[in-house]
């Protein structure tokens, strides 16, 4: 039995959903069939009731056709990973799903607490990271970010335990642009290279299948901004580390009706030409996952009327916001934070209709200009 997502497994999941969902809900990328709506786990209290809600929400989402699940070790102080792990155990034990049918992604880079904020943050850092030799105070940027190979390796192993998995399908460096607040671009590239080298080793060890960068600002900035990331440069570093067969294959960035920069901002240089991050990713063979599809629920109500006119067949503004993201050319999956069953059932209704046509999608921007 495979301990990671496979083309055969994700195709089996897709085919099993045919009676419920149209085939274009799933997109093939990096040899996997990925649901166009993904499950996000960022928000929520750090308590047992929220843990249970997330566990049950994962179960319902998978039942309704969502096979892309995203988290991070620092989300809810490691509780989001553990809630997903609890849900996966139920699914696997009941025989309702196979490991090779689900695409599991997580992230490392921030200092995570363990279940709840510590009484003394300095003592926690010393005991948890400094004394075991995992990280030193000199490794930390902005008081909370670290991406040294030893630290990321430790975080990956912790995530595997939290999730109850032998292998994670996608592992992201979490907001690496944080480092550029305190280090030069040259030093940043050295740190990225060292992290990529370690992650390539983890691929060869079977701990991850591919890796990437999950960002907030890095791919949305003007090209001359101090913390703007160049995808061509990052792919070049991956090639220097591991050749053409490198595993830097995925990026994640916020994309929604209020934050459309990935589509409209030409901040990436590829082969000497300035283009958007979505175009650059396509040219460079990198998958794009859209995060914050609802902008933490801010786009779930009171959208302008023209959006409903362009994005037809939907009942709520939340559904329209999700439809915008999943209909955008170049976006493989639209992540939506979902910890309540009724939200999952509302949001997954979007999967039952085709993505917006190119004609309607273009009208959306023409209407906005008017």
Protein backbone atom coordinates (compact mmCIF):
# COMPACT_ATOMS: atom_id res chain seq x y z
CA UNK A 1 0.00 0.00 0.00
CA UNK A 2 1.27 3.45 -0.91
CA UNK A 3 1.77 5.87 1.96
CA UNK A 4 1.25 8.93 -0.21
CA UNK A 5 -1.07 10.29 -2.89
CA UNK A 6 -0.72 8.66 -6.31
CA UNK A 7 -2.18 9.26 -9.76
CA UNK A 8 -4.01 5.95 -9.57
CA UNK A 9 -5.37 6.62 -6.08
CA UNK A 10 -6.54 10.17 -6.76
CA UNK A 11 -8.09 9.02 -10.06
CA UNK A 12 -9.95 6.32 -8.12
CA UNK A 13 -11.29 8.99 -5.75
CA UNK A 14 -12.28 11.16 -8.72
CA UNK A 15 -14.07 8.28 -10.45
CA UNK A 16 -15.93 7.33 -7.28
CA UNK A 17 -17.30 10.89 -7.15
CA UNK A 18 -18.61 10.87 -10.75
CA UNK A 19 -22.23 10.34 -9.80
CA UNK A 20 -22.06 13.30 -7.44
CA UNK A 21 -19.70 15.77 -9.11
CA UNK A 22 -18.70 16.73 -12.67
CA UNK A 23 -15.27 15.59 -13.80
CA UNK A 24 -13.97 19.16 -14.13
CA UNK A 25 -14.08 19.51 -10.36
CA UNK A 26 -10.78 17.59 -10.41
CA UNK A 27 -7.62 18.90 -12.06
CA UNK A 28 -4.54 16.89 -12.88
CA UNK A 29 -1.34 18.49 -11.66
CA UNK A 30 2.06 17.01 -10.82
CA UNK A 31 0.64 13.57 -11.62
CA UNK A 32 -2.24 13.87 -9.13
CA UNK A 33 -5.98 14.50 -9.48
CA UNK A 34 -6.73 17.36 -7.09
CA UNK A 35 -10.15 18.68 -6.06
CA UNK A 36 -10.73 22.25 -7.22
CA UNK A 37 -11.86 23.13 -3.68
CA UNK A 38 -9.39 22.38 -0.92
CA UNK A 39 -9.83 22.16 2.85
CA UNK A 40 -8.07 24.85 4.91
CA UNK A 41 -7.43 24.79 8.67
CA UNK A 42 -6.00 28.17 9.65
CA UNK A 43 -8.68 29.71 11.88
CA UNK A 44 -10.26 28.57 15.13
CA UNK A 45 -9.81 28.45 18.88
CA UNK A 46 -7.26 26.18 20.51
CA UNK A 47 -9.73 24.02 22.40
CA UNK A 48 -11.10 20.50 22.27
CA UNK A 49 -14.48 21.45 20.83
CA UNK A 50 -12.80 23.12 17.84
CA UNK A 51 -10.56 20.08 17.44
CA UNK A 52 -13.64 17.85 17.21
CA UNK A 53 -15.34 20.20 14.74
CA UNK A 54 -12.31 20.16 12.47
CA UNK A 55 -12.07 16.36 12.67
CA UNK A 56 -15.72 15.98 11.72
CA UNK A 57 -15.40 18.65 9.06
CA UNK A 58 -12.58 16.76 7.36
CA UNK A 59 -14.69 13.61 7.34
CA UNK A 60 -17.60 15.43 5.71
CA UNK A 61 -15.41 17.27 3.20
CA UNK A 62 -13.81 14.05 2.00
CA UNK A 63 -17.25 12.50 1.71
CA UNK A 64 -18.42 15.40 -0.48
CA UNK A 65 -15.51 15.33 -2.91
CA UNK A 66 -12.63 17.25 -1.35
CA UNK A 67 -9.35 15.31 -1.47
CA UNK A 68 -6.97 18.26 -0.99
CA UNK A 69 -6.28 19.06 2.68
CA UNK A 70 -3.99 21.89 3.77
CA UNK A 71 -2.59 22.84 7.16
CA UNK A 72 0.56 24.10 8.92
CA UNK A 73 2.28 23.10 12.12
CA UNK A 74 1.65 26.50 13.70
CA UNK A 75 -2.08 26.57 12.89
CA UNK A 76 -3.96 26.51 16.17
CA UNK A 77 -0.73 25.59 17.99
CA UNK A 78 -0.38 22.21 16.20
CA UNK A 79 -4.01 21.33 16.88
CA UNK A 80 -5.06 21.63 13.23
CA UNK A 81 -2.54 19.00 12.17
CA UNK A 82 -3.65 16.74 15.02
CA UNK A 83 -7.33 17.19 14.12
CA UNK A 84 -6.57 16.17 10.55
CA UNK A 85 -4.59 13.21 11.86
CA UNK A 86 -7.57 12.12 13.96
CA UNK A 87 -9.87 12.37 10.93
CA UNK A 88 -7.48 10.41 8.73
CA UNK A 89 -7.31 7.65 11.30
CA UNK A 90 -11.11 7.35 11.23
CA UNK A 91 -11.19 7.31 7.42
CA UNK A 92 -8.45 4.72 7.08
CA UNK A 93 -9.72 2.49 9.89
CA UNK A 94 -13.24 2.49 8.46
CA UNK A 95 -11.91 1.63 5.03
CA UNK A 96 -13.77 4.59 3.54
CA UNK A 97 -10.69 6.03 1.91
CA UNK A 98 -7.17 4.96 1.01
CA UNK A 99 -4.11 7.01 1.78
CA UNK A 100 -3.21 7.22 -1.91
CA UNK A 101 -6.48 9.06 -2.65
CA UNK A 102 -5.79 12.12 -0.48
CA UNK A 103 -3.35 14.98 -1.02
CA UNK A 104 -2.06 16.22 2.34
CA UNK A 105 -0.04 19.44 2.60
CA UNK A 106 1.52 21.20 5.55
CA UNK A 107 4.05 23.92 6.23
CA UNK A 108 7.00 24.74 8.44
CA UNK A 109 8.88 27.92 9.22
CA UNK A 110 7.20 29.60 12.18
CA UNK A 111 7.84 28.72 15.81
CA UNK A 112 4.77 26.72 16.88
CA UNK A 113 3.43 26.38 20.38
CA UNK A 114 2.30 22.99 21.62
CA UNK A 115 -1.47 23.00 22.04
CA UNK A 116 -1.66 26.35 23.83
CA UNK A 117 0.48 29.44 24.42
CA UNK A 118 3.26 28.75 26.95
CA UNK A 119 3.41 30.59 30.25
CA UNK A 120 6.82 31.93 29.33
CA UNK A 121 7.73 32.09 25.64
CA UNK A 122 11.46 32.48 26.26
CA UNK A 123 11.62 29.42 28.49
CA UNK A 124 9.55 27.45 25.98
CA UNK A 125 11.94 28.31 23.15
CA UNK A 126 15.01 27.48 25.21
CA UNK A 127 13.69 24.13 26.43
CA UNK A 128 12.03 23.06 23.17
CA UNK A 129 14.50 24.27 20.56
CA UNK A 130 17.75 25.63 21.99
CA UNK A 131 18.73 22.91 24.46
CA UNK A 132 18.10 20.05 22.00
CA UNK A 133 20.18 21.94 19.42
CA UNK A 134 17.30 22.38 16.98
CA UNK A 135 17.62 26.15 16.67
CA UNK A 136 19.50 29.04 18.22
CA UNK A 137 18.38 32.58 18.84
CA UNK A 138 20.59 33.67 15.90
CA UNK A 139 18.53 31.47 13.56
CA UNK A 140 15.30 33.35 14.31
CA UNK A 141 14.04 36.22 12.14
CA UNK A 142 11.29 38.65 13.18
CA UNK A 143 11.04 36.90 16.53
CA UNK A 144 9.18 33.89 15.13
CA UNK A 145 10.55 32.59 11.81
CA UNK A 146 13.25 30.03 11.14
CA UNK A 147 14.12 27.94 8.08
CA UNK A 148 17.49 26.40 8.81
CA UNK A 149 17.75 22.81 7.59
CA UNK A 150 17.93 21.38 11.11
CA UNK A 151 14.87 23.33 12.21
CA UNK A 152 12.75 22.48 9.15
CA UNK A 153 13.74 18.83 9.45
CA UNK A 154 12.56 18.84 13.07
CA UNK A 155 9.29 20.51 12.12
CA UNK A 156 8.67 18.02 9.33
CA UNK A 157 9.14 15.09 11.69
CA UNK A 158 6.78 16.70 14.18
CA UNK A 159 4.17 17.25 11.47
CA UNK A 160 4.40 13.60 10.43
CA UNK A 161 3.67 12.58 14.02
CA UNK A 162 0.81 15.05 14.36
CA UNK A 163 -0.78 13.83 11.15
CA UNK A 164 -0.10 10.17 11.82
CA UNK A 165 1.49 9.78 8.39
CA UNK A 166 4.65 8.24 6.98
CA UNK A 167 4.81 10.70 4.10
CA UNK A 168 3.45 14.19 3.40
CA UNK A 169 2.52 14.91 -0.21
CA UNK A 170 3.36 18.63 -0.27
CA UNK A 171 5.64 20.34 2.23
CA UNK A 172 5.89 24.12 2.09
CA UNK A 173 8.41 26.55 3.48
CA UNK A 174 6.00 28.89 5.24
CA UNK A 175 6.29 32.57 4.26
CA UNK A 176 10.04 32.46 3.54
CA UNK A 177 9.87 36.13 2.53
CA UNK A 178 9.85 36.89 6.27
CA UNK A 179 13.60 36.30 6.15
CA UNK A 180 14.08 39.22 3.76
CA UNK A 181 13.11 41.63 6.53
CA UNK A 182 16.47 41.02 8.17
CA UNK A 183 18.85 39.37 5.69
CA UNK A 184 20.21 40.32 2.28
CA UNK A 185 18.94 38.74 -0.92
CA UNK A 186 22.26 36.92 -1.27
CA UNK A 187 21.99 35.46 2.23
CA UNK A 188 18.33 34.62 1.63
CA UNK A 189 19.22 32.61 -1.46
CA UNK A 190 21.86 30.72 0.51
CA UNK A 191 19.29 29.86 3.17
CA UNK A 192 16.74 28.79 0.55
CA UNK A 193 19.35 26.62 -1.12
CA UNK A 194 20.22 24.91 2.16
CA UNK A 195 16.53 24.30 2.92
CA UNK A 196 15.88 22.93 -0.59
CA UNK A 197 18.85 20.58 -0.26
CA UNK A 198 17.44 19.17 2.97
CA UNK A 199 13.95 18.84 1.47
CA UNK A 200 15.33 16.97 -1.55
CA UNK A 201 16.89 14.52 0.90
CA UNK A 202 13.50 14.09 2.57
CA UNK A 203 12.00 13.28 -0.83
CA UNK A 204 14.64 10.59 -1.36
CA UNK A 205 13.90 9.24 2.14
CA UNK A 206 10.18 9.00 1.37
CA UNK A 207 9.15 11.58 3.98
CA UNK A 208 7.69 14.04 1.44
CA UNK A 209 6.77 13.79 -2.24
CA UNK A 210 7.34 17.39 -3.32
CA UNK A 211 7.92 20.78 -1.75
CA UNK A 212 7.31 24.46 -2.36
CA UNK A 213 6.73 27.86 -0.81
CA UNK A 214 3.49 28.97 0.84
CA UNK A 215 3.50 32.75 0.96
CA UNK A 216 1.42 35.74 1.90
CA UNK A 217 3.28 38.71 0.39
CA UNK A 218 6.14 37.16 -1.55
CA UNK A 219 4.44 36.63 -4.91
CA UNK A 220 2.04 39.60 -4.68
CA UNK A 221 4.53 42.45 -4.39
CA UNK A 222 5.86 44.86 -6.98
CA UNK A 223 9.03 43.40 -8.52
CA UNK A 224 11.28 45.95 -6.81
CA UNK A 225 9.81 45.37 -3.34
CA UNK A 226 12.38 44.10 -0.81
CA UNK A 227 10.36 40.97 -0.06
CA UNK A 228 9.20 40.10 -3.58
CA UNK A 229 10.06 36.52 -4.52
CA UNK A 230 11.23 35.55 -8.00
CA UNK A 231 9.84 32.17 -9.00
CA UNK A 232 12.37 31.83 -11.81
CA UNK A 233 15.15 32.41 -9.29
CA UNK A 234 13.73 29.85 -6.84
CA UNK A 235 13.34 27.24 -9.57
CA UNK A 236 16.90 28.00 -10.60
CA UNK A 237 18.10 27.34 -7.04
CA UNK A 238 16.20 24.04 -7.00
CA UNK A 239 17.90 23.06 -10.25
CA UNK A 240 21.31 23.96 -8.81
CA UNK A 241 20.56 21.75 -5.80
CA UNK A 242 19.05 18.75 -7.58
CA UNK A 243 19.14 19.22 -11.34
CA UNK A 244 16.20 19.09 -13.73
CA UNK A 245 14.55 16.37 -11.62
CA UNK A 246 14.11 18.67 -8.61
CA UNK A 247 10.92 18.48 -6.54
CA UNK A 248 10.17 22.21 -6.07
CA UNK A 249 6.78 21.84 -7.71
CA UNK A 250 4.13 23.84 -5.83
CA UNK A 251 3.52 27.35 -4.57
CA UNK A 252 0.66 28.69 -2.48
CA UNK A 253 -0.45 32.31 -2.31
CA UNK A 254 -3.56 34.28 -1.35
CA UNK A 255 -5.88 34.82 -4.28
CA UNK A 256 -9.45 36.07 -4.12
CA UNK A 257 -11.80 38.77 -5.37
CA UNK A 258 -10.06 41.36 -3.18
CA UNK A 259 -6.51 40.14 -3.83
CA UNK A 260 -6.21 39.37 -7.57
CA UNK A 261 -2.51 40.24 -7.92
CA UNK A 262 -1.51 36.72 -8.98
CA UNK A 263 -3.53 37.21 -12.15
CA UNK A 264 -3.14 40.89 -12.97
CA UNK A 265 0.24 42.01 -11.59
CA UNK A 266 3.24 41.46 -13.86
CA UNK A 267 5.91 41.08 -11.20
CA UNK A 268 7.75 37.98 -12.43
CA UNK A 269 10.53 37.82 -14.99
CA UNK A 270 10.72 34.62 -17.05
CA UNK A 271 13.18 34.40 -19.92
CA UNK A 272 13.51 38.17 -19.83
CA UNK A 273 9.80 38.88 -20.05
CA UNK A 274 7.69 40.36 -17.25
CA UNK A 275 4.55 38.38 -16.52
CA UNK A 276 2.16 37.42 -13.72
CA UNK A 277 2.94 34.74 -11.15
CA UNK A 278 0.22 32.51 -12.67
CA UNK A 279 1.78 32.77 -16.12
CA UNK A 280 5.27 32.33 -14.70
CA UNK A 281 4.20 29.21 -12.80
CA UNK A 282 2.72 27.67 -15.93
CA UNK A 283 5.90 28.36 -17.90
CA UNK A 284 8.10 26.93 -15.14
CA UNK A 285 5.98 23.84 -14.47
CA UNK A 286 4.94 24.85 -10.96
CA UNK A 287 1.46 24.20 -9.55
CA UNK A 288 -0.40 27.11 -7.91
CA UNK A 289 -2.74 26.63 -4.94
CA UNK A 290 -4.91 29.62 -4.02
CA UNK A 291 -5.30 30.33 -0.31
CA UNK A 292 -7.67 32.66 1.56
CA UNK A 293 -10.40 32.23 -1.05
CA UNK A 294 -12.92 33.93 1.26
CA UNK A 295 -10.40 36.32 2.85
CA UNK A 296 -11.22 34.92 6.30
CA UNK A 297 -14.98 35.15 5.62
CA UNK A 298 -14.83 38.82 4.55
CA UNK A 299 -15.96 37.84 1.04
CA UNK A 300 -18.83 35.64 2.17
CA UNK A 301 -21.41 38.44 2.07
CA UNK A 302 -22.24 41.83 0.54
CA UNK A 303 -20.46 41.25 -2.78
CA UNK A 304 -21.36 43.66 -5.61
CA UNK A 305 -24.31 42.55 -7.73
CA UNK A 306 -22.28 42.29 -10.94
CA UNK A 307 -20.33 39.37 -9.49
CA UNK A 308 -23.53 37.35 -9.22
CA UNK A 309 -24.41 38.27 -12.80
CA UNK A 310 -21.06 37.00 -14.09
CA UNK A 311 -20.77 33.95 -11.81
CA UNK A 312 -24.06 32.22 -12.50
CA UNK A 313 -25.89 29.37 -10.83
CA UNK A 314 -24.76 30.05 -7.27
CA UNK A 315 -26.81 30.73 -4.15
CA UNK A 316 -24.51 32.67 -1.82
CA UNK A 317 -21.69 35.19 -1.96
CA UNK A 318 -19.36 32.66 -0.35
CA UNK A 319 -20.03 30.30 -3.24
CA UNK A 320 -19.41 33.08 -5.75
CA UNK A 321 -16.10 33.97 -4.12
CA UNK A 322 -14.99 30.33 -4.25
CA UNK A 323 -16.14 30.03 -7.86
CA UNK A 324 -14.01 33.03 -8.82
CA UNK A 325 -10.86 31.39 -7.47
CA UNK A 326 -11.46 27.89 -8.87
CA UNK A 327 -12.39 29.37 -12.27
CA UNK A 328 -9.16 31.36 -12.59
CA UNK A 329 -6.84 29.87 -15.23
CA UNK A 330 -3.71 28.58 -13.52
CA UNK A 331 -5.23 27.91 -10.08
CA UNK A 332 -5.37 24.18 -9.38
CA UNK A 333 -7.27 24.31 -6.09
CA UNK A 334 -9.03 27.02 -4.06
CA UNK A 335 -8.41 26.57 -0.34
CA UNK A 336 -11.30 27.42 1.95
CA UNK A 337 -11.16 27.34 5.74
CA UNK A 338 -13.98 25.04 6.85
CA UNK A 339 -14.52 23.93 10.44
CA UNK A 340 -18.32 23.64 10.41
CA UNK A 341 -20.39 21.02 8.62
CA UNK A 342 -22.94 23.53 7.30
CA UNK A 343 -20.16 25.63 5.75
CA UNK A 344 -18.69 22.56 4.07
CA UNK A 345 -22.04 21.59 2.63
CA UNK A 346 -22.62 25.13 1.36
CA UNK A 347 -19.14 25.51 -0.09
CA UNK A 348 -18.96 22.09 -1.73
CA UNK A 349 -22.13 22.84 -3.70
CA UNK A 350 -19.85 24.93 -5.90
CA UNK A 351 -18.15 21.72 -7.03
CA UNK A 352 -21.43 20.56 -8.57
CA UNK A 353 -21.35 23.19 -11.31
CA UNK A 354 -18.64 23.79 -13.92
CA UNK A 355 -16.12 26.57 -13.39
CA UNK A 356 -17.10 29.88 -14.96
CA UNK A 357 -16.47 30.10 -18.68
CA UNK A 358 -13.66 32.27 -19.96
CA UNK A 359 -16.28 34.61 -21.44
CA UNK A 360 -18.03 35.10 -18.09
CA UNK A 361 -14.70 35.35 -16.28
CA UNK A 362 -13.54 38.16 -18.59
CA UNK A 363 -16.88 39.94 -18.14
CA UNK A 364 -16.22 39.97 -14.41
CA UNK A 365 -13.23 42.27 -14.89
CA UNK A 366 -14.97 44.37 -17.53
CA UNK A 367 -17.90 44.93 -15.13
CA UNK A 368 -15.53 45.92 -12.35
CA UNK A 369 -13.90 48.56 -14.58
CA UNK A 370 -17.30 49.99 -15.43
